[in-house]
């Protein structure tokens, strides 16, 4: 693995959505400036369609999604 590839992987931002906490309010979807989050088609144990991260390579780790989430269901990694 080249040093450039290694460096990119270490700095690539992403989020993890705790789907069992998500109540599908869509705040994160509407807030994400890079459109990295969508609503999933599957249903969680609470009966909601949880948010789903689809922004690998696009996410900047800005944390706006985590800040607006009323259920603290989003963790951001940079």
PDB file of N, CA and C in Angstrom:
ATOM      1  N   UNK A   1       0.854  -1.180   0.000  1.00  0.00           N
ATOM      2  CA  UNK A   1       0.000   0.000   0.000  1.00  0.00           C
ATOM      3  C   UNK A   1       0.895   1.237   0.000  1.00  0.00           C
ATOM      4  N   UNK A   2       0.613   2.164  -0.883  1.00  0.00           N
ATOM      5  CA  UNK A   2       1.430   3.370  -0.955  1.00  0.00           C
ATOM      6  C   UNK A   2       1.095   4.290   0.210  1.00  0.00           C
ATOM      7  N   UNK A   3       1.984   5.225   0.480  1.00  0.00           N
ATOM      8  CA  UNK A   3       1.767   6.148   1.590  1.00  0.00           C
ATOM      9  C   UNK A   3       0.594   7.077   1.311  1.00  0.00           C
ATOM     10  N   UNK A   4       0.351   7.404   0.032  1.00  0.00           N
ATOM     11  CA  UNK A   4      -0.780   8.262  -0.313  1.00  0.00           C
ATOM     12  C   UNK A   4      -2.094   7.532  -0.021  1.00  0.00           C
ATOM     13  N   UNK A   5      -2.195   6.270  -0.412  1.00  0.00           N
ATOM     14  CA  UNK A   5      -3.400   5.487  -0.145  1.00  0.00           C
ATOM     15  C   UNK A   5      -3.604   5.324   1.351  1.00  0.00           C
ATOM     16  N   UNK A   6      -2.551   5.032   2.073  1.00  0.00           N
ATOM     17  CA  UNK A   6      -2.628   4.863   3.519  1.00  0.00           C
ATOM     18  C   UNK A   6      -3.091   6.150   4.189  1.00  0.00           C
ATOM     19  N   UNK A   7      -2.551   7.278   3.745  1.00  0.00           N
ATOM     20  CA  UNK A   7      -2.915   8.563   4.329  1.00  0.00           C
ATOM     21  C   UNK A   7      -4.381   8.879   4.050  1.00  0.00           C
ATOM     22  N   UNK A   8      -4.862   8.606   2.858  1.00  0.00           N
ATOM     23  CA  UNK A   8      -6.262   8.877   2.508  1.00  0.00           C
ATOM     24  C   UNK A   8      -7.209   8.056   3.367  1.00  0.00           C
ATOM     25  N   UNK A   9      -6.917   6.786   3.562  1.00  0.00           N
ATOM     26  CA  UNK A   9      -7.791   5.944   4.375  1.00  0.00           C
ATOM     27  C   UNK A   9      -7.848   6.421   5.816  1.00  0.00           C
ATOM     28  N   UNK A  10      -6.756   6.944   6.329  1.00  0.00           N
ATOM     29  CA  UNK A  10      -6.733   7.419   7.707  1.00  0.00           C
ATOM     30  C   UNK A  10      -7.521   8.714   7.867  1.00  0.00           C
ATOM     31  N   UNK A  11      -7.656   9.509   6.807  1.00  0.00           N
ATOM     32  CA  UNK A  11      -8.332  10.794   6.924  1.00  0.00           C
ATOM     33  C   UNK A  11      -9.742  10.779   6.354  1.00  0.00           C
ATOM     34  N   UNK A  12     -10.197   9.650   5.818  1.00  0.00           N
ATOM     35  CA  UNK A  12     -11.532   9.568   5.244  1.00  0.00           C
ATOM     36  C   UNK A  12     -12.586   9.567   6.350  1.00  0.00           C
ATOM     37  N   UNK A  13     -13.490  10.516   6.267  1.00  0.00           N
ATOM     38  CA  UNK A  13     -14.531  10.640   7.287  1.00  0.00           C
ATOM     39  C   UNK A  13     -15.715   9.744   6.947  1.00  0.00           C
ATOM     40  N   UNK A  14     -16.408   9.303   7.989  1.00  0.00           N
ATOM     41  CA  UNK A  14     -17.615   8.504   7.807  1.00  0.00           C
ATOM     42  C   UNK A  14     -18.448   8.592   9.071  1.00  0.00           C
ATOM     43  N   UNK A  15     -19.686   8.146   8.982  1.00  0.00           N
ATOM     44  CA  UNK A  15     -20.557   8.133  10.150  1.00  0.00           C
ATOM     45  C   UNK A  15     -21.137   6.732  10.338  1.00  0.00           C
ATOM     46  N   UNK A  16     -21.517   6.467  11.556  1.00  0.00           N
ATOM     47  CA  UNK A  16     -22.255   5.247  11.877  1.00  0.00           C
ATOM     48  C   UNK A  16     -23.584   5.695  12.465  1.00  0.00           C
ATOM     49  N   UNK A  17     -24.666   5.163  11.903  1.00  0.00           N
ATOM     50  CA  UNK A  17     -26.005   5.479  12.393  1.00  0.00           C
ATOM     51  C   UNK A  17     -26.504   4.289  13.195  1.00  0.00           C
ATOM     52  N   UNK A  18     -26.833   4.529  14.438  1.00  0.00           N
ATOM     53  CA  UNK A  18     -27.376   3.486  15.307  1.00  0.00           C
ATOM     54  C   UNK A  18     -28.845   3.334  14.942  1.00  0.00           C
ATOM     55  N   UNK A  19     -29.110   2.435  14.004  1.00  0.00           N
ATOM     56  CA  UNK A  19     -30.430   2.370  13.380  1.00  0.00           C
ATOM     57  C   UNK A  19     -31.564   2.027  14.340  1.00  0.00           C
ATOM     58  N   UNK A  20     -31.298   1.355  15.431  1.00  0.00           N
ATOM     59  CA  UNK A  20     -32.372   1.049  16.380  1.00  0.00           C
ATOM     60  C   UNK A  20     -32.807   2.280  17.178  1.00  0.00           C
ATOM     61  N   UNK A  21     -31.957   3.302  17.221  1.00  0.00           N
ATOM     62  CA  UNK A  21     -32.322   4.561  17.886  1.00  0.00           C
ATOM     63  C   UNK A  21     -33.045   5.521  16.947  1.00  0.00           C
ATOM     64  N   UNK A  22     -32.851   5.341  15.654  1.00  0.00           N
ATOM     65  CA  UNK A  22     -33.355   6.288  14.653  1.00  0.00           C
ATOM     66  C   UNK A  22     -34.868   6.209  14.524  1.00  0.00           C
ATOM     67  N   UNK A  23     -35.511   7.373  14.558  1.00  0.00           N
ATOM     68  CA  UNK A  23     -36.963   7.460  14.412  1.00  0.00           C
ATOM     69  C   UNK A  23     -37.360   8.095  13.083  1.00  0.00           C
ATOM     70  N   UNK A  24     -36.434   8.141  12.154  1.00  0.00           N
ATOM     71  CA  UNK A  24     -36.702   8.608  10.790  1.00  0.00           C
ATOM     72  C   UNK A  24     -37.221  10.048  10.733  1.00  0.00           C
ATOM     73  N   UNK A  25     -36.660  10.923  11.536  1.00  0.00           N
ATOM     74  CA  UNK A  25     -37.098  12.323  11.534  1.00  0.00           C
ATOM     75  C   UNK A  25     -36.609  13.077  10.293  1.00  0.00           C
ATOM     76  N   UNK A  26     -35.564  12.548   9.645  1.00  0.00           N
ATOM     77  CA  UNK A  26     -34.985  13.113   8.423  1.00  0.00           C
ATOM     78  C   UNK A  26     -34.164  14.381   8.653  1.00  0.00           C
ATOM     79  N   UNK A  27     -33.950  14.790   9.883  1.00  0.00           N
ATOM     80  CA  UNK A  27     -33.145  15.991  10.131  1.00  0.00           C
ATOM     81  C   UNK A  27     -31.740  15.837   9.551  1.00  0.00           C
ATOM     82  N   UNK A  28     -31.159  14.666   9.731  1.00  0.00           N
ATOM     83  CA  UNK A  28     -29.796  14.433   9.225  1.00  0.00           C
ATOM     84  C   UNK A  28     -29.761  14.458   7.698  1.00  0.00           C
ATOM     85  N   UNK A  29     -30.780  13.884   7.068  1.00  0.00           N
ATOM     86  CA  UNK A  29     -30.859  13.860   5.610  1.00  0.00           C
ATOM     87  C   UNK A  29     -30.914  15.283   5.066  1.00  0.00           C
ATOM     88  N   UNK A  30     -31.755  16.106   5.679  1.00  0.00           N
ATOM     89  CA  UNK A  30     -31.925  17.482   5.222  1.00  0.00           C
ATOM     90  C   UNK A  30     -30.713  18.359   5.535  1.00  0.00           C
ATOM     91  N   UNK A  31     -29.972  18.025   6.580  1.00  0.00           N
ATOM     92  CA  UNK A  31     -28.858  18.855   7.028  1.00  0.00           C
ATOM     93  C   UNK A  31     -27.549  18.561   6.300  1.00  0.00           C
ATOM     94  N   UNK A  32     -27.342  17.336   5.876  1.00  0.00           N
ATOM     95  CA  UNK A  32     -26.064  16.952   5.281  1.00  0.00           C
ATOM     96  C   UNK A  32     -25.790  17.735   3.989  1.00  0.00           C
ATOM     97  N   UNK A  33     -24.725  18.545   3.966  1.00  0.00           N
ATOM     98  CA  UNK A  33     -24.435  19.347   2.778  1.00  0.00           C
ATOM     99  C   UNK A  33     -23.929  18.519   1.594  1.00  0.00           C
ATOM    100  N   UNK A  34     -23.490  17.294   1.844  1.00  0.00           N
ATOM    101  CA  UNK A  34     -22.949  16.430   0.787  1.00  0.00           C
ATOM    102  C   UNK A  34     -23.919  15.335   0.351  1.00  0.00           C
ATOM    103  N   UNK A  35     -25.130  15.334   0.924  1.00  0.00           N
ATOM    104  CA  UNK A  35     -26.162  14.345   0.606  1.00  0.00           C
ATOM    105  C   UNK A  35     -25.652  12.915   0.803  1.00  0.00           C
ATOM    106  N   UNK A  36     -25.027  12.680   1.957  1.00  0.00           N
ATOM    107  CA  UNK A  36     -24.444  11.381   2.293  1.00  0.00           C
ATOM    108  C   UNK A  36     -25.416  10.453   3.006  1.00  0.00           C
ATOM    109  N   UNK A  37     -26.577  10.960   3.382  1.00  0.00           N
ATOM    110  CA  UNK A  37     -27.511  10.172   4.189  1.00  0.00           C
ATOM    111  C   UNK A  37     -28.845  10.069   3.462  1.00  0.00           C
ATOM    112  N   UNK A  38     -29.383   8.874   3.450  1.00  0.00           N
ATOM    113  CA  UNK A  38     -30.684   8.607   2.841  1.00  0.00           C
ATOM    114  C   UNK A  38     -31.531   7.843   3.859  1.00  0.00           C
ATOM    115  N   UNK A  39     -32.801   7.695   3.567  1.00  0.00           N
ATOM    116  CA  UNK A  39     -33.679   6.886   4.409  1.00  0.00           C
ATOM    117  C   UNK A  39     -33.696   5.477   3.828  1.00  0.00           C
ATOM    118  N   UNK A  40     -33.434   4.504   4.681  1.00  0.00           N
ATOM    119  CA  UNK A  40     -33.352   3.102   4.271  1.00  0.00           C
ATOM    120  C   UNK A  40     -34.743   2.539   3.973  1.00  0.00           C
ATOM    121  N   UNK A  41     -34.786   1.493   3.192  1.00  0.00           N
ATOM    122  CA  UNK A  41     -36.061   0.847   2.883  1.00  0.00           C
ATOM    123  C   UNK A  41     -36.462  -0.166   3.954  1.00  0.00           C
ATOM    124  N   UNK A  42     -35.479  -0.649   4.717  1.00  0.00           N
ATOM    125  CA  UNK A  42     -35.821  -1.621   5.756  1.00  0.00           C
ATOM    126  C   UNK A  42     -36.407  -0.912   6.978  1.00  0.00           C
ATOM    127  N   UNK A  43     -37.027  -1.670   7.840  1.00  0.00           N
ATOM    128  CA  UNK A  43     -37.681  -1.133   9.034  1.00  0.00           C
ATOM    129  C   UNK A  43     -36.953  -1.631  10.280  1.00  0.00           C
ATOM    130  N   UNK A  44     -36.721  -0.720  11.245  1.00  0.00           N
ATOM    131  CA  UNK A  44     -36.052  -1.122  12.490  1.00  0.00           C
ATOM    132  C   UNK A  44     -37.079  -1.697  13.478  1.00  0.00           C
ATOM    133  N   UNK A  45     -36.624  -2.091  14.641  1.00  0.00           N
ATOM    134  CA  UNK A  45     -37.487  -2.732  15.647  1.00  0.00           C
ATOM    135  C   UNK A  45     -38.603  -1.809  16.145  1.00  0.00           C
ATOM    136  N   UNK A  46     -38.398  -0.489  16.016  1.00  0.00           N
ATOM    137  CA  UNK A  46     -39.429   0.464  16.450  1.00  0.00           C
ATOM    138  C   UNK A  46     -40.484   0.712  15.371  1.00  0.00           C
ATOM    139  N   UNK A  47     -40.249   0.175  14.170  1.00  0.00           N
ATOM    140  CA  UNK A  47     -41.203   0.353  13.080  1.00  0.00           C
ATOM    141  C   UNK A  47     -40.905   1.531  12.175  1.00  0.00           C
ATOM    142  N   UNK A  48     -39.707   2.099  12.290  1.00  0.00           N
ATOM    143  CA  UNK A  48     -39.310   3.238  11.459  1.00  0.00           C
ATOM    144  C   UNK A  48     -38.327   2.799  10.374  1.00  0.00           C
ATOM    145  N   UNK A  49     -38.279   3.572   9.305  1.00  0.00           N
ATOM    146  CA  UNK A  49     -37.247   3.407   8.287  1.00  0.00           C
ATOM    147  C   UNK A  49     -36.064   4.262   8.741  1.00  0.00           C
ATOM    148  N   UNK A  50     -34.973   3.657   9.217  1.00  0.00           N
ATOM    149  CA  UNK A  50     -33.858   4.440   9.744  1.00  0.00           C
ATOM    150  C   UNK A  50     -33.051   5.126   8.644  1.00  0.00           C
ATOM    151  N   UNK A  51     -32.302   6.115   9.043  1.00  0.00           N
ATOM    152  CA  UNK A  51     -31.374   6.773   8.126  1.00  0.00           C
ATOM    153  C   UNK A  51     -30.240   5.801   7.817  1.00  0.00           C
ATOM    154  N   UNK A  52     -29.638   5.996   6.647  1.00  0.00           N
ATOM    155  CA  UNK A  52     -28.566   5.108   6.193  1.00  0.00           C
ATOM    156  C   UNK A  52     -27.460   5.953   5.562  1.00  0.00           C
ATOM    157  N   UNK A  53     -26.224   5.675   5.925  1.00  0.00           N
ATOM    158  CA  UNK A  53     -25.071   6.395   5.385  1.00  0.00           C
ATOM    159  C   UNK A  53     -24.684   5.810   4.033  1.00  0.00           C
ATOM    160  N   UNK A  54     -24.616   6.669   3.025  1.00  0.00           N
ATOM    161  CA  UNK A  54     -24.190   6.250   1.691  1.00  0.00           C
ATOM    162  C   UNK A  54     -23.187   7.245   1.125  1.00  0.00           C
ATOM    163  N   UNK A  55     -22.354   7.787   1.974  1.00  0.00           N
ATOM    164  CA  UNK A  55     -21.457   8.833   1.525  1.00  0.00           C
ATOM    165  C   UNK A  55     -19.984   8.543   1.657  1.00  0.00           C
ATOM    166  N   UNK A  56     -19.594   7.276   1.632  1.00  0.00           N
ATOM    167  CA  UNK A  56     -18.171   6.972   1.760  1.00  0.00           C
ATOM    168  C   UNK A  56     -17.422   7.657   0.621  1.00  0.00           C
ATOM    169  N   UNK A  57     -16.431   8.433   0.992  1.00  0.00           N
ATOM    170  CA  UNK A  57     -15.664   9.186   0.012  1.00  0.00           C
ATOM    171  C   UNK A  57     -16.181  10.597  -0.198  1.00  0.00           C
ATOM    172  N   UNK A  58     -17.427  10.876   0.226  1.00  0.00           N
ATOM    173  CA  UNK A  58     -17.995  12.215   0.094  1.00  0.00           C
ATOM    174  C   UNK A  58     -18.070  12.943   1.430  1.00  0.00           C
ATOM    175  N   UNK A  59     -18.182  12.197   2.525  1.00  0.00           N
ATOM    176  CA  UNK A  59     -18.357  12.776   3.853  1.00  0.00           C
ATOM    177  C   UNK A  59     -17.111  13.553   4.271  1.00  0.00           C
ATOM    178  N   UNK A  60     -17.322  14.756   4.818  1.00  0.00           N
ATOM    179  CA  UNK A  60     -16.210  15.581   5.289  1.00  0.00           C
ATOM    180  C   UNK A  60     -16.033  15.507   6.798  1.00  0.00           C
ATOM    181  N   UNK A  61     -16.975  14.859   7.491  1.00  0.00           N
ATOM    182  CA  UNK A  61     -16.902  14.779   8.944  1.00  0.00           C
ATOM    183  C   UNK A  61     -17.303  16.078   9.611  1.00  0.00           C
ATOM    184  N   UNK A  62     -18.182  16.841   8.986  1.00  0.00           N
ATOM    185  CA  UNK A  62     -18.574  18.153   9.511  1.00  0.00           C
ATOM    186  C   UNK A  62     -19.388  18.066  10.808  1.00  0.00           C
ATOM    187  N   UNK A  63     -19.972  16.921  11.088  1.00  0.00           N
ATOM    188  CA  UNK A  63     -20.745  16.652  12.311  1.00  0.00           C
ATOM    189  C   UNK A  63     -22.124  17.299  12.374  1.00  0.00           C
ATOM    190  N   UNK A  64     -22.558  17.953  11.310  1.00  0.00           N
ATOM    191  CA  UNK A  64     -23.883  18.573  11.336  1.00  0.00           C
ATOM    192  C   UNK A  64     -24.983  17.548  11.571  1.00  0.00           C
ATOM    193  N   UNK A  65     -24.853  16.378  10.970  1.00  0.00           N
ATOM    194  CA  UNK A  65     -25.870  15.336  11.141  1.00  0.00           C
ATOM    195  C   UNK A  65     -25.995  14.921  12.601  1.00  0.00           C
ATOM    196  N   UNK A  66     -24.869  14.731  13.252  1.00  0.00           N
ATOM    197  CA  UNK A  66     -24.875  14.317  14.659  1.00  0.00           C
ATOM    198  C   UNK A  66     -25.422  15.424  15.554  1.00  0.00           C
ATOM    199  N   UNK A  67     -25.140  16.659  15.203  1.00  0.00           N
ATOM    200  CA  UNK A  67     -25.614  17.778  16.008  1.00  0.00           C
ATOM    201  C   UNK A  67     -27.130  17.940  15.953  1.00  0.00           C
ATOM    202  N   UNK A  68     -27.740  17.645  14.816  1.00  0.00           N
ATOM    203  CA  UNK A  68     -29.191  17.835  14.696  1.00  0.00           C
ATOM    204  C   UNK A  68     -29.998  16.606  15.095  1.00  0.00           C
ATOM    205  N   UNK A  69     -29.347  15.472  15.288  1.00  0.00           N
ATOM    206  CA  UNK A  69     -30.060  14.240  15.606  1.00  0.00           C
ATOM    207  C   UNK A  69     -30.632  14.296  17.027  1.00  0.00           C
ATOM    208  N   UNK A  70     -31.968  14.283  17.165  1.00  0.00           N
ATOM    209  CA  UNK A  70     -32.571  14.368  18.500  1.00  0.00           C
ATOM    210  C   UNK A  70     -32.429  13.086  19.314  1.00  0.00           C
ATOM    211  N   UNK A  71     -32.052  11.999  18.656  1.00  0.00           N
ATOM    212  CA  UNK A  71     -31.940  10.710  19.341  1.00  0.00           C
ATOM    213  C   UNK A  71     -30.495  10.277  19.559  1.00  0.00           C
ATOM    214  N   UNK A  72     -29.549  11.164  19.320  1.00  0.00           N
ATOM    215  CA  UNK A  72     -28.107  10.867  19.413  1.00  0.00           C
ATOM    216  C   UNK A  72     -27.783   9.513  18.808  1.00  0.00           C
ATOM    217  N   UNK A  73     -28.252   9.315  17.577  1.00  0.00           N
ATOM    218  CA  UNK A  73     -28.087   8.039  16.894  1.00  0.00           C
ATOM    219  C   UNK A  73     -26.951   8.061  15.874  1.00  0.00           C
ATOM    220  N   UNK A  74     -26.167   9.140  15.825  1.00  0.00           N
ATOM    221  CA  UNK A  74     -25.118   9.249  14.826  1.00  0.00           C
ATOM    222  C   UNK A  74     -23.771   9.494  15.477  1.00  0.00           C
ATOM    223  N   UNK A  75     -22.792   8.693  15.071  1.00  0.00           N
ATOM    224  CA  UNK A  75     -21.410   8.855  15.525  1.00  0.00           C
ATOM    225  C   UNK A  75     -20.575   9.222  14.302  1.00  0.00           C
ATOM    226  N   UNK A  76     -19.725  10.242  14.437  1.00  0.00           N
ATOM    227  CA  UNK A  76     -18.896  10.709  13.335  1.00  0.00           C
ATOM    228  C   UNK A  76     -17.447  10.335  13.587  1.00  0.00           C
ATOM    229  N   UNK A  77     -16.804   9.837  12.549  1.00  0.00           N
ATOM    230  CA  UNK A  77     -15.395   9.438  12.626  1.00  0.00           C
ATOM    231  C   UNK A  77     -14.623  10.146  11.532  1.00  0.00           C
ATOM    232  N   UNK A  78     -13.478  10.713  11.903  1.00  0.00           N
ATOM    233  CA  UNK A  78     -12.624  11.425  10.937  1.00  0.00           C
ATOM    234  C   UNK A  78     -11.290  10.739  10.852  1.00  0.00           C
TER     235      UNK A  78
END
